[in-house]
Amino acid sequence: MEVKVLDINGKETGRKVQLSDAVFAIEPNKHAIYLDVKQYLANQRQGTHKSKERAEVTGSTRKIKKQKGTGTARAGSVKNPLFKGGGTVFGPRPRSYSFKLNKALKRLARKSVLSQKLADSDLIVLEDFSFDTPNTKNFISILKALGLENKKSLFVLGDSNKNVYLSSRNLKASNVVTTSELSTYTILNTNKLVLLEGSLEGIEENLSK
């Protein structure tokens, strides 16, 4: 599939790039997307939640009242979960929420969201650019030229570019990643996906396996 290449001023360069149908033109697999996003969000959870159980609560171990004759239920400890300040029954414990997914499924999920973005006309191919020094104003001018100033955008670079990354870091709606950092969730969580020319080869190489 051929896609027009734009310059940083939002104008057509007159060139087109050929995108692999095996990566950008497949039938999206919604279940694969769901599983990959679920894994990504699960990995963000720290899993450090913890509540004290009966054996961990600080308090006296003496029997607080006699067993019989009080007319109320028997009670043997102030740590009883029924009392205020007592231990928690079956409370949360530290755990990992991560789970394993096959590499083939993760590749399928990424190809599915890329194909969906292209089908929805939410994918832009931009010529490679760089800054001599970090400059947020220049990056904002590119966003304006592409009509992305008030939209969530994801720029995918072929290689790490510190100046471009630093230029976008203060902008909440824009994110810059390399091909190796690209994930199903980051693609979904954006209105416009901007692929620099230098990233296309790496994306197709990674997902054509």
N, C-alpha and C. Protein backbone atom coordinates (compact mmCIF):
# COMPACT_ATOMS: atom_id res chain seq x y z
N MET A 1 0.84 -1.19 0.00
CA MET A 1 0.00 0.00 0.00
C MET A 1 0.88 1.25 0.00
N GLU A 2 0.57 2.20 -0.87
CA GLU A 2 1.36 3.42 -0.96
C GLU A 2 0.76 4.54 -0.10
N VAL A 3 1.64 5.26 0.58
CA VAL A 3 1.21 6.37 1.44
C VAL A 3 2.09 7.58 1.13
N LYS A 4 1.46 8.75 1.06
CA LYS A 4 2.20 9.98 0.76
C LYS A 4 3.10 10.37 1.94
N VAL A 5 4.26 10.93 1.63
CA VAL A 5 5.19 11.39 2.65
C VAL A 5 5.05 12.91 2.79
N LEU A 6 4.86 13.37 4.02
CA LEU A 6 4.73 14.80 4.29
C LEU A 6 6.03 15.35 4.84
N ASP A 7 6.23 16.66 4.69
CA ASP A 7 7.38 17.30 5.31
C ASP A 7 6.95 17.93 6.62
N ILE A 8 7.90 18.56 7.34
CA ILE A 8 7.58 19.10 8.66
C ILE A 8 6.67 20.32 8.60
N ASN A 9 6.41 20.82 7.38
CA ASN A 9 5.48 21.93 7.21
C ASN A 9 4.08 21.44 6.86
N GLY A 10 3.90 20.13 6.86
CA GLY A 10 2.60 19.56 6.56
C GLY A 10 2.29 19.48 5.08
N LYS A 11 3.27 19.74 4.25
CA LYS A 11 3.07 19.71 2.79
C LYS A 11 3.52 18.37 2.23
N GLU A 12 2.94 17.99 1.10
CA GLU A 12 3.35 16.76 0.44
C GLU A 12 4.73 16.94 -0.21
N THR A 13 5.56 15.95 -0.05
CA THR A 13 6.91 16.03 -0.63
C THR A 13 6.92 15.56 -2.09
N GLY A 14 5.83 14.96 -2.53
CA GLY A 14 5.79 14.40 -3.87
C GLY A 14 6.29 12.97 -3.91
N ARG A 15 6.71 12.46 -2.77
CA ARG A 15 7.18 11.08 -2.69
C ARG A 15 6.15 10.20 -2.00
N LYS A 16 6.20 8.92 -2.29
CA LYS A 16 5.34 7.95 -1.63
C LYS A 16 6.19 6.78 -1.15
N VAL A 17 5.73 6.16 -0.08
CA VAL A 17 6.42 4.97 0.44
C VAL A 17 5.48 3.78 0.35
N GLN A 18 6.06 2.63 0.13
CA GLN A 18 5.29 1.39 0.03
C GLN A 18 5.27 0.71 1.39
N LEU A 19 4.08 0.61 1.98
CA LEU A 19 3.94 -0.06 3.27
C LEU A 19 3.57 -1.52 3.05
N SER A 20 4.14 -2.38 3.87
CA SER A 20 3.90 -3.82 3.75
C SER A 20 2.45 -4.16 4.10
N ASP A 21 1.78 -4.87 3.20
CA ASP A 21 0.40 -5.30 3.47
C ASP A 21 0.34 -6.29 4.62
N ALA A 22 1.44 -7.01 4.85
CA ALA A 22 1.47 -8.00 5.92
C ALA A 22 1.52 -7.35 7.30
N VAL A 23 1.85 -6.06 7.34
CA VAL A 23 1.94 -5.33 8.62
C VAL A 23 0.85 -4.28 8.75
N PHE A 24 0.56 -3.57 7.65
CA PHE A 24 -0.35 -2.43 7.71
C PHE A 24 -1.71 -2.66 7.05
N ALA A 25 -1.96 -3.87 6.57
CA ALA A 25 -3.24 -4.09 5.88
C ALA A 25 -3.84 -5.44 6.21
N ILE A 26 -3.76 -5.85 7.47
CA ILE A 26 -4.36 -7.13 7.86
C ILE A 26 -5.72 -6.87 8.51
N GLU A 27 -6.48 -7.94 8.68
CA GLU A 27 -7.75 -7.85 9.40
C GLU A 27 -7.45 -7.78 10.90
N PRO A 28 -7.79 -6.67 11.56
CA PRO A 28 -7.45 -6.52 12.99
C PRO A 28 -8.03 -7.64 13.84
N ASN A 29 -7.22 -8.17 14.73
CA ASN A 29 -7.65 -9.20 15.67
C ASN A 29 -7.90 -8.54 17.02
N LYS A 30 -9.18 -8.32 17.33
CA LYS A 30 -9.53 -7.57 18.54
C LYS A 30 -9.13 -8.31 19.82
N HIS A 31 -9.20 -9.63 19.82
CA HIS A 31 -8.86 -10.36 21.04
C HIS A 31 -7.36 -10.27 21.32
N ALA A 32 -6.55 -10.31 20.27
CA ALA A 32 -5.10 -10.17 20.45
C ALA A 32 -4.78 -8.78 21.01
N ILE A 33 -5.46 -7.76 20.49
CA ILE A 33 -5.27 -6.39 20.99
C ILE A 33 -5.64 -6.32 22.47
N TYR A 34 -6.78 -6.92 22.82
CA TYR A 34 -7.24 -6.91 24.22
C TYR A 34 -6.22 -7.54 25.15
N LEU A 35 -5.68 -8.70 24.76
CA LEU A 35 -4.73 -9.40 25.62
C LEU A 35 -3.44 -8.60 25.77
N ASP A 36 -2.96 -8.00 24.69
CA ASP A 36 -1.70 -7.25 24.75
C ASP A 36 -1.86 -6.00 25.62
N VAL A 37 -2.99 -5.31 25.48
CA VAL A 37 -3.24 -4.12 26.31
C VAL A 37 -3.41 -4.53 27.76
N LYS A 38 -4.09 -5.64 28.00
CA LYS A 38 -4.28 -6.13 29.37
C LYS A 38 -2.95 -6.42 30.02
N GLN A 39 -2.03 -7.06 29.27
CA GLN A 39 -0.71 -7.35 29.82
C GLN A 39 0.07 -6.08 30.12
N TYR A 40 0.00 -5.10 29.20
CA TYR A 40 0.71 -3.83 29.38
C TYR A 40 0.23 -3.13 30.66
N LEU A 41 -1.08 -3.05 30.85
CA LEU A 41 -1.61 -2.37 32.03
C LEU A 41 -1.33 -3.16 33.30
N ALA A 42 -1.35 -4.48 33.21
CA ALA A 42 -1.04 -5.31 34.38
C ALA A 42 0.41 -5.10 34.81
N ASN A 43 1.30 -4.92 33.84
CA ASN A 43 2.71 -4.72 34.17
C ASN A 43 2.97 -3.36 34.81
N GLN A 44 2.02 -2.42 34.66
CA GLN A 44 2.18 -1.10 35.28
C GLN A 44 1.84 -1.13 36.77
N ARG A 45 1.14 -2.17 37.20
CA ARG A 45 0.71 -2.26 38.60
C ARG A 45 1.88 -2.68 39.48
N GLN A 46 2.08 -1.97 40.58
CA GLN A 46 3.18 -2.27 41.48
C GLN A 46 2.92 -3.53 42.30
N GLY A 47 1.66 -3.75 42.65
CA GLY A 47 1.33 -4.94 43.43
C GLY A 47 1.89 -4.91 44.84
N THR A 48 2.06 -3.71 45.41
CA THR A 48 2.65 -3.60 46.75
C THR A 48 1.58 -3.42 47.83
N HIS A 49 0.31 -3.63 47.48
CA HIS A 49 -0.77 -3.45 48.46
C HIS A 49 -0.65 -4.50 49.57
N LYS A 50 -0.94 -4.09 50.80
CA LYS A 50 -0.81 -4.99 51.94
C LYS A 50 -1.65 -4.48 53.10
N SER A 51 -2.40 -5.38 53.74
CA SER A 51 -3.10 -5.03 54.98
C SER A 51 -2.68 -6.03 56.06
N LYS A 52 -2.72 -5.59 57.30
CA LYS A 52 -2.27 -6.45 58.39
C LYS A 52 -3.34 -7.47 58.75
N GLU A 53 -2.90 -8.70 58.90
CA GLU A 53 -3.80 -9.75 59.32
C GLU A 53 -3.73 -9.91 60.84
N ARG A 54 -4.50 -10.83 61.34
CA ARG A 54 -4.64 -10.97 62.79
C ARG A 54 -3.30 -11.15 63.50
N ALA A 55 -2.42 -11.94 62.91
CA ALA A 55 -1.13 -12.23 63.55
C ALA A 55 -0.18 -11.04 63.50
N GLU A 56 -0.48 -10.04 62.65
CA GLU A 56 0.44 -8.92 62.45
C GLU A 56 0.02 -7.65 63.18
N VAL A 57 -1.19 -7.63 63.70
CA VAL A 57 -1.68 -6.44 64.40
C VAL A 57 -1.05 -6.35 65.78
N THR A 58 -0.66 -5.13 66.18
CA THR A 58 -0.09 -4.91 67.51
C THR A 58 -1.21 -4.84 68.55
N GLY A 59 -1.06 -5.59 69.60
CA GLY A 59 -2.09 -5.56 70.64
C GLY A 59 -1.86 -6.66 71.66
N SER A 60 -2.57 -6.58 72.76
CA SER A 60 -2.43 -7.56 73.83
C SER A 60 -2.98 -8.90 73.39
N THR A 61 -2.43 -9.97 73.95
CA THR A 61 -2.90 -11.32 73.64
C THR A 61 -3.77 -11.89 74.76
N ARG A 62 -4.02 -11.07 75.79
CA ARG A 62 -4.83 -11.59 76.91
C ARG A 62 -6.29 -11.77 76.48
N LYS A 63 -6.96 -12.65 77.16
CA LYS A 63 -8.39 -12.83 76.91
C LYS A 63 -9.13 -11.65 77.51
N ILE A 64 -9.90 -10.93 76.69
CA ILE A 64 -10.44 -9.63 77.11
C ILE A 64 -11.65 -9.74 78.04
N LYS A 65 -12.29 -10.88 78.09
CA LYS A 65 -13.40 -11.08 79.04
C LYS A 65 -13.59 -12.57 79.27
N LYS A 66 -14.31 -12.89 80.31
CA LYS A 66 -14.48 -14.31 80.63
C LYS A 66 -15.33 -15.00 79.57
N GLN A 67 -15.14 -16.31 79.50
CA GLN A 67 -15.75 -17.08 78.43
C GLN A 67 -17.28 -17.11 78.56
N LYS A 68 -17.78 -17.25 79.76
CA LYS A 68 -19.23 -17.44 79.94
C LYS A 68 -19.81 -16.40 80.90
N GLY A 69 -21.09 -16.25 80.83
CA GLY A 69 -21.78 -15.43 81.80
C GLY A 69 -21.96 -13.98 81.43
N THR A 70 -21.42 -13.53 80.32
CA THR A 70 -21.55 -12.11 79.98
C THR A 70 -22.78 -11.82 79.13
N GLY A 71 -23.36 -12.88 78.57
CA GLY A 71 -24.54 -12.67 77.72
C GLY A 71 -24.18 -12.24 76.30
N THR A 72 -22.92 -12.11 76.04
CA THR A 72 -22.50 -11.72 74.69
C THR A 72 -21.60 -12.82 74.11
N ALA A 73 -21.22 -12.64 72.87
CA ALA A 73 -20.39 -13.65 72.21
C ALA A 73 -19.03 -13.72 72.88
N ARG A 74 -18.47 -14.91 72.89
CA ARG A 74 -17.15 -15.09 73.47
C ARG A 74 -16.10 -14.35 72.62
N ALA A 75 -15.06 -13.86 73.24
CA ALA A 75 -13.99 -13.15 72.52
C ALA A 75 -12.68 -13.41 73.23
N GLY A 76 -11.65 -13.72 72.45
CA GLY A 76 -10.38 -14.09 73.07
C GLY A 76 -9.26 -13.10 72.86
N SER A 77 -9.43 -12.10 71.94
CA SER A 77 -8.31 -11.20 71.65
C SER A 77 -8.82 -9.90 71.04
N VAL A 78 -8.11 -8.83 71.36
CA VAL A 78 -8.47 -7.54 70.75
C VAL A 78 -8.07 -7.52 69.27
N LYS A 79 -7.30 -8.51 68.82
CA LYS A 79 -6.89 -8.58 67.42
C LYS A 79 -7.97 -9.24 66.55
N ASN A 80 -9.05 -9.64 67.17
CA ASN A 80 -10.16 -10.27 66.46
C ASN A 80 -10.61 -9.38 65.29
N PRO A 81 -10.74 -9.93 64.09
CA PRO A 81 -11.16 -9.13 62.93
C PRO A 81 -12.51 -8.45 63.10
N LEU A 82 -13.33 -8.92 64.05
CA LEU A 82 -14.64 -8.32 64.28
C LEU A 82 -14.55 -7.00 65.05
N PHE A 83 -13.43 -6.76 65.71
CA PHE A 83 -13.26 -5.55 66.51
C PHE A 83 -12.57 -4.45 65.70
N LYS A 84 -12.89 -3.20 66.05
CA LYS A 84 -12.21 -2.07 65.44
C LYS A 84 -10.73 -2.12 65.78
N GLY A 85 -9.87 -1.98 64.78
CA GLY A 85 -8.44 -2.07 65.00
C GLY A 85 -7.90 -3.47 64.92
N GLY A 86 -8.79 -4.44 64.70
CA GLY A 86 -8.34 -5.82 64.58
C GLY A 86 -7.76 -6.10 63.21
N GLY A 87 -7.34 -7.34 63.03
CA GLY A 87 -6.74 -7.72 61.76
C GLY A 87 -7.77 -7.81 60.64
N THR A 88 -7.27 -7.81 59.42
CA THR A 88 -8.13 -7.93 58.24
C THR A 88 -8.20 -9.39 57.79
N VAL A 89 -9.40 -9.83 57.47
CA VAL A 89 -9.58 -11.21 57.02
C VAL A 89 -9.34 -11.29 55.51
N PHE A 90 -8.42 -12.15 55.10
CA PHE A 90 -8.13 -12.34 53.68
C PHE A 90 -7.84 -11.01 52.97
N GLY A 91 -7.04 -10.17 53.62
CA GLY A 91 -6.68 -8.88 53.04
C GLY A 91 -5.71 -9.03 51.88
N PRO A 92 -5.47 -7.95 51.14
CA PRO A 92 -4.55 -8.02 49.99
C PRO A 92 -3.11 -8.25 50.44
N ARG A 93 -2.38 -9.01 49.64
CA ARG A 93 -0.97 -9.28 49.90
C ARG A 93 -0.15 -8.88 48.68
N PRO A 94 1.12 -8.52 48.86
CA PRO A 94 1.96 -8.16 47.70
C PRO A 94 1.98 -9.29 46.68
N ARG A 95 1.82 -8.92 45.40
CA ARG A 95 1.81 -9.93 44.35
C ARG A 95 2.17 -9.28 43.01
N SER A 96 2.54 -10.06 42.07
CA SER A 96 2.82 -9.58 40.72
C SER A 96 1.60 -9.87 39.84
N TYR A 97 1.19 -8.88 39.04
CA TYR A 97 0.05 -9.04 38.17
C TYR A 97 0.46 -9.43 36.74
N SER A 98 1.75 -9.54 36.51
CA SER A 98 2.23 -9.82 35.16
C SER A 98 1.86 -11.25 34.73
N PHE A 99 1.70 -11.42 33.43
CA PHE A 99 1.44 -12.75 32.88
C PHE A 99 2.10 -12.84 31.50
N LYS A 100 2.29 -14.04 31.02
CA LYS A 100 3.05 -14.26 29.80
C LYS A 100 2.14 -14.28 28.57
N LEU A 101 2.64 -13.71 27.49
CA LEU A 101 1.98 -13.79 26.19
C LEU A 101 3.00 -14.24 25.15
N ASN A 102 2.57 -15.01 24.19
CA ASN A 102 3.47 -15.45 23.12
C ASN A 102 3.88 -14.26 22.26
N LYS A 103 5.11 -14.32 21.75
CA LYS A 103 5.62 -13.24 20.91
C LYS A 103 4.79 -13.09 19.64
N ALA A 104 4.33 -14.21 19.10
CA ALA A 104 3.54 -14.17 17.87
C ALA A 104 2.23 -13.41 18.09
N LEU A 105 1.63 -13.61 19.25
CA LEU A 105 0.38 -12.91 19.55
C LEU A 105 0.62 -11.42 19.73
N LYS A 106 1.72 -11.05 20.36
CA LYS A 106 2.02 -9.64 20.56
C LYS A 106 2.31 -8.95 19.22
N ARG A 107 2.98 -9.65 18.32
CA ARG A 107 3.21 -9.09 16.99
C ARG A 107 1.89 -8.91 16.25
N LEU A 108 1.01 -9.90 16.37
CA LEU A 108 -0.30 -9.81 15.73
C LEU A 108 -1.09 -8.62 16.25
N ALA A 109 -1.00 -8.37 17.57
CA ALA A 109 -1.72 -7.24 18.17
C ALA A 109 -1.20 -5.91 17.62
N ARG A 110 0.13 -5.78 17.51
CA ARG A 110 0.69 -4.53 17.00
C ARG A 110 0.36 -4.32 15.52
N LYS A 111 0.41 -5.40 14.75
CA LYS A 111 0.03 -5.29 13.34
C LYS A 111 -1.45 -4.91 13.21
N SER A 112 -2.27 -5.43 14.12
CA SER A 112 -3.70 -5.14 14.08
C SER A 112 -3.99 -3.66 14.32
N VAL A 113 -3.32 -3.06 15.32
CA VAL A 113 -3.59 -1.64 15.61
C VAL A 113 -2.99 -0.73 14.55
N LEU A 114 -1.86 -1.13 13.97
CA LEU A 114 -1.27 -0.35 12.88
C LEU A 114 -2.19 -0.37 11.67
N SER A 115 -2.74 -1.54 11.36
CA SER A 115 -3.66 -1.65 10.24
C SER A 115 -4.93 -0.84 10.49
N GLN A 116 -5.39 -0.84 11.75
CA GLN A 116 -6.60 -0.08 12.09
C GLN A 116 -6.35 1.42 11.97
N LYS A 117 -5.19 1.88 12.40
CA LYS A 117 -4.84 3.30 12.29
C LYS A 117 -4.80 3.73 10.83
N LEU A 118 -4.20 2.91 9.99
CA LEU A 118 -4.11 3.25 8.57
C LEU A 118 -5.49 3.25 7.92
N ALA A 119 -6.32 2.26 8.28
CA ALA A 119 -7.67 2.18 7.72
C ALA A 119 -8.53 3.38 8.14
N ASP A 120 -8.27 3.90 9.34
CA ASP A 120 -9.04 5.04 9.86
C ASP A 120 -8.43 6.38 9.46
N SER A 121 -7.38 6.35 8.63
CA SER A 121 -6.67 7.57 8.19
C SER A 121 -6.07 8.33 9.36
N ASP A 122 -5.65 7.61 10.37
CA ASP A 122 -5.02 8.21 11.54
C ASP A 122 -3.52 7.95 11.57
N LEU A 123 -2.95 7.61 10.43
CA LEU A 123 -1.52 7.34 10.33
C LEU A 123 -0.90 8.30 9.32
N ILE A 124 0.19 8.95 9.74
CA ILE A 124 0.91 9.91 8.90
C ILE A 124 2.35 9.46 8.74
N VAL A 125 2.86 9.51 7.52
CA VAL A 125 4.28 9.24 7.29
C VAL A 125 4.97 10.58 7.07
N LEU A 126 5.96 10.86 7.90
CA LEU A 126 6.64 12.15 7.90
C LEU A 126 8.11 11.95 7.55
N GLU A 127 8.66 12.88 6.79
CA GLU A 127 10.08 12.79 6.47
C GLU A 127 10.91 12.94 7.74
N ASP A 128 12.09 12.34 7.76
CA ASP A 128 12.96 12.41 8.93
C ASP A 128 13.37 13.86 9.21
N PHE A 129 13.42 14.20 10.49
CA PHE A 129 13.86 15.55 10.88
C PHE A 129 14.64 15.45 12.18
N SER A 130 15.37 16.52 12.49
CA SER A 130 16.14 16.56 13.72
C SER A 130 16.33 18.01 14.13
N PHE A 131 16.70 18.23 15.39
CA PHE A 131 16.98 19.56 15.90
C PHE A 131 18.44 19.61 16.36
N ASP A 132 19.07 20.77 16.17
CA ASP A 132 20.45 20.93 16.63
C ASP A 132 20.51 20.97 18.15
N THR A 133 19.48 21.56 18.74
CA THR A 133 19.36 21.62 20.20
C THR A 133 17.91 21.37 20.57
N PRO A 134 17.63 20.96 21.80
CA PRO A 134 16.24 20.79 22.22
C PRO A 134 15.47 22.09 22.07
N ASN A 135 14.33 22.05 21.38
CA ASN A 135 13.56 23.26 21.12
C ASN A 135 12.09 22.92 21.05
N THR A 136 11.37 23.15 22.15
CA THR A 136 9.95 22.82 22.21
C THR A 136 9.13 23.66 21.23
N LYS A 137 9.55 24.91 21.03
CA LYS A 137 8.82 25.79 20.12
C LYS A 137 8.83 25.23 18.69
N ASN A 138 9.97 24.70 18.26
CA ASN A 138 10.05 24.11 16.92
C ASN A 138 9.19 22.87 16.80
N PHE A 139 9.14 22.08 17.87
CA PHE A 139 8.31 20.87 17.85
C PHE A 139 6.83 21.25 17.78
N ILE A 140 6.45 22.29 18.51
CA ILE A 140 5.05 22.75 18.48
C ILE A 140 4.68 23.25 17.08
N SER A 141 5.62 23.89 16.39
CA SER A 141 5.35 24.36 15.04
C SER A 141 5.09 23.19 14.09
N ILE A 142 5.76 22.06 14.31
CA ILE A 142 5.51 20.86 13.50
C ILE A 142 4.11 20.32 13.80
N LEU A 143 3.73 20.32 15.08
CA LEU A 143 2.39 19.86 15.46
C LEU A 143 1.32 20.73 14.80
N LYS A 144 1.53 22.04 14.80
CA LYS A 144 0.57 22.94 14.18
C LYS A 144 0.46 22.69 12.68
N ALA A 145 1.61 22.48 12.02
CA ALA A 145 1.62 22.26 10.58
C ALA A 145 0.87 20.97 10.21
N LEU A 146 0.92 19.97 11.11
CA LEU A 146 0.26 18.69 10.86
C LEU A 146 -1.17 18.66 11.40
N GLY A 147 -1.59 19.76 12.04
CA GLY A 147 -2.93 19.81 12.61
C GLY A 147 -3.09 18.96 13.85
N LEU A 148 -2.01 18.81 14.62
CA LEU A 148 -2.03 17.93 15.79
C LEU A 148 -1.86 18.69 17.11
N GLU A 149 -2.00 20.00 17.06
CA GLU A 149 -1.71 20.80 18.25
C GLU A 149 -2.58 20.41 19.43
N ASN A 150 -3.85 20.10 19.19
CA ASN A 150 -4.78 19.79 20.28
C ASN A 150 -5.20 18.32 20.27
N LYS A 151 -4.36 17.47 19.68
CA LYS A 151 -4.67 16.05 19.61
C LYS A 151 -3.54 15.23 20.22
N LYS A 152 -3.90 14.06 20.71
CA LYS A 152 -2.88 13.14 21.19
C LYS A 152 -2.11 12.60 20.00
N SER A 153 -0.80 12.71 20.03
CA SER A 153 0.00 12.24 18.91
C SER A 153 1.18 11.41 19.41
N LEU A 154 1.57 10.45 18.59
CA LEU A 154 2.71 9.58 18.89
C LEU A 154 3.66 9.61 17.71
N PHE A 155 4.89 10.09 17.94
CA PHE A 155 5.92 10.14 16.90
C PHE A 155 6.85 8.95 17.08
N VAL A 156 7.05 8.21 16.02
CA VAL A 156 7.90 7.01 16.08
C VAL A 156 9.17 7.28 15.28
N LEU A 157 10.32 7.25 15.96
CA LEU A 157 11.61 7.51 15.33
C LEU A 157 12.30 6.20 14.99
N GLY A 158 13.12 6.25 13.95
CA GLY A 158 13.89 5.06 13.59
C GLY A 158 14.99 4.79 14.60
N ASP A 159 15.70 5.83 14.99
CA ASP A 159 16.77 5.73 15.99
C ASP A 159 16.53 6.77 17.09
N SER A 160 17.10 6.53 18.23
CA SER A 160 16.96 7.46 19.34
C SER A 160 17.52 8.83 18.97
N ASN A 161 16.75 9.87 19.24
CA ASN A 161 17.16 11.25 18.96
C ASN A 161 16.87 12.09 20.20
N LYS A 162 17.91 12.37 20.96
CA LYS A 162 17.74 13.03 22.26
C LYS A 162 17.12 14.40 22.12
N ASN A 163 17.52 15.18 21.11
CA ASN A 163 17.00 16.55 20.97
C ASN A 163 15.51 16.55 20.64
N VAL A 164 15.08 15.64 19.78
CA VAL A 164 13.65 15.55 19.44
C VAL A 164 12.86 15.11 20.67
N TYR A 165 13.40 14.13 21.40
CA TYR A 165 12.71 13.65 22.60
C TYR A 165 12.57 14.75 23.64
N LEU A 166 13.66 15.47 23.91
CA LEU A 166 13.62 16.54 24.91
C LEU A 166 12.71 17.69 24.47
N SER A 167 12.60 17.91 23.17
CA SER A 167 11.75 18.98 22.65
C SER A 167 10.27 18.68 22.89
N SER A 168 9.92 17.41 23.00
CA SER A 168 8.51 17.03 23.16
C SER A 168 8.15 16.65 24.59
N ARG A 169 9.14 16.57 25.45
CA ARG A 169 8.91 16.00 26.79
C ARG A 169 7.92 16.80 27.62
N ASN A 170 7.86 18.12 27.44
CA ASN A 170 6.97 18.94 28.25
C ASN A 170 5.55 19.00 27.70
N LEU A 171 5.30 18.37 26.57
CA LEU A 171 3.99 18.41 25.94
C LEU A 171 3.20 17.16 26.33
N LYS A 172 2.12 17.36 27.08
CA LYS A 172 1.37 16.22 27.60
C LYS A 172 0.70 15.41 26.50
N ALA A 173 0.28 16.06 25.43
CA ALA A 173 -0.48 15.37 24.39
C ALA A 173 0.40 14.68 23.36
N SER A 174 1.72 14.91 23.41
CA SER A 174 2.60 14.32 22.41
C SER A 174 3.62 13.40 23.08
N ASN A 175 3.95 12.34 22.38
CA ASN A 175 4.90 11.37 22.90
C ASN A 175 5.84 10.95 21.78
N VAL A 176 7.11 10.75 22.10
CA VAL A 176 8.10 10.34 21.10
C VAL A 176 8.74 9.04 21.55
N VAL A 177 8.71 8.02 20.69
CA VAL A 177 9.30 6.72 21.00
C VAL A 177 10.11 6.24 19.80
N THR A 178 10.91 5.22 20.02
CA THR A 178 11.62 4.57 18.92
C THR A 178 10.86 3.30 18.54
N THR A 179 11.27 2.66 17.46
CA THR A 179 10.57 1.46 17.01
C THR A 179 10.62 0.34 18.06
N SER A 180 11.71 0.28 18.82
CA SER A 180 11.84 -0.77 19.84
C SER A 180 10.93 -0.51 21.04
N GLU A 181 10.46 0.73 21.22
CA GLU A 181 9.59 1.07 22.35
C GLU A 181 8.12 1.05 21.97
N LEU A 182 7.83 0.79 20.72
CA LEU A 182 6.45 0.83 20.24
C LEU A 182 5.65 -0.33 20.83
N SER A 183 4.47 -0.03 21.36
CA SER A 183 3.62 -1.07 21.94
C SER A 183 2.18 -0.88 21.48
N THR A 184 1.40 -1.91 21.63
CA THR A 184 -0.02 -1.85 21.23
C THR A 184 -0.75 -0.76 22.00
N TYR A 185 -0.48 -0.66 23.30
CA TYR A 185 -1.18 0.33 24.12
C TYR A 185 -0.84 1.76 23.70
N THR A 186 0.44 2.05 23.45
CA THR A 186 0.82 3.42 23.08
C THR A 186 0.23 3.81 21.73
N ILE A 187 0.08 2.83 20.83
CA ILE A 187 -0.53 3.14 19.53
C ILE A 187 -2.02 3.42 19.70
N LEU A 188 -2.68 2.60 20.51
CA LEU A 188 -4.12 2.80 20.73
C LEU A 188 -4.42 4.10 21.46
N ASN A 189 -3.54 4.46 22.38
CA ASN A 189 -3.77 5.62 23.24
C ASN A 189 -3.32 6.91 22.57
N THR A 190 -3.64 7.07 21.30
CA THR A 190 -3.27 8.27 20.56
C THR A 190 -4.27 8.51 19.45
N ASN A 191 -4.46 9.78 19.11
CA ASN A 191 -5.37 10.12 18.01
C ASN A 191 -4.70 9.99 16.65
N LYS A 192 -3.43 10.39 16.58
CA LYS A 192 -2.69 10.34 15.33
C LYS A 192 -1.33 9.68 15.55
N LEU A 193 -1.02 8.74 14.69
CA LEU A 193 0.26 8.05 14.73
C LEU A 193 1.14 8.61 13.62
N VAL A 194 2.29 9.17 14.00
CA VAL A 194 3.20 9.79 13.03
C VAL A 194 4.45 8.92 12.92
N LEU A 195 4.62 8.29 11.78
CA LEU A 195 5.79 7.43 11.55
C LEU A 195 6.81 8.19 10.71
N LEU A 196 8.01 8.36 11.23
CA LEU A 196 9.07 8.96 10.42
C LEU A 196 9.58 7.92 9.43
N GLU A 197 10.03 8.39 8.31
CA GLU A 197 10.47 7.46 7.24
C GLU A 197 11.49 6.46 7.75
N GLY A 198 12.39 6.92 8.60
CA GLY A 198 13.44 6.05 9.10
C GLY A 198 12.95 4.93 10.00
N SER A 199 11.70 5.02 10.46
CA SER A 199 11.17 4.00 11.37
C SER A 199 10.48 2.87 10.62
N LEU A 200 10.12 3.09 9.38
CA LEU A 200 9.31 2.11 8.64
C LEU A 200 10.02 0.78 8.48
N GLU A 201 11.29 0.84 8.11
CA GLU A 201 12.04 -0.40 7.90
C GLU A 201 12.13 -1.21 9.18
N GLY A 202 12.40 -0.53 10.30
CA GLY A 202 12.51 -1.23 11.58
C GLY A 202 11.19 -1.84 12.01
N ILE A 203 10.08 -1.12 11.81
CA ILE A 203 8.76 -1.63 12.19
C ILE A 203 8.42 -2.88 11.38
N GLU A 204 8.62 -2.81 10.07
CA GLU A 204 8.29 -3.94 9.21
C GLU A 204 9.21 -5.13 9.49
N GLU A 205 10.46 -4.84 9.80
CA GLU A 205 11.40 -5.93 10.12
C GLU A 205 11.01 -6.63 11.40
N ASN A 206 10.60 -5.84 12.41
CA ASN A 206 10.24 -6.42 13.71
C ASN A 206 8.95 -7.22 13.64
N LEU A 207 8.01 -6.79 12.80
CA LEU A 207 6.68 -7.40 12.79
C LEU A 207 6.46 -8.38 11.66
N SER A 208 7.44 -8.56 10.81
CA SER A 208 7.29 -9.49 9.68
C SER A 208 7.86 -10.88 9.99
N LYS A 209 8.32 -11.05 11.21
CA LYS A 209 8.94 -12.32 11.58
C LYS A 209 7.89 -13.42 11.71
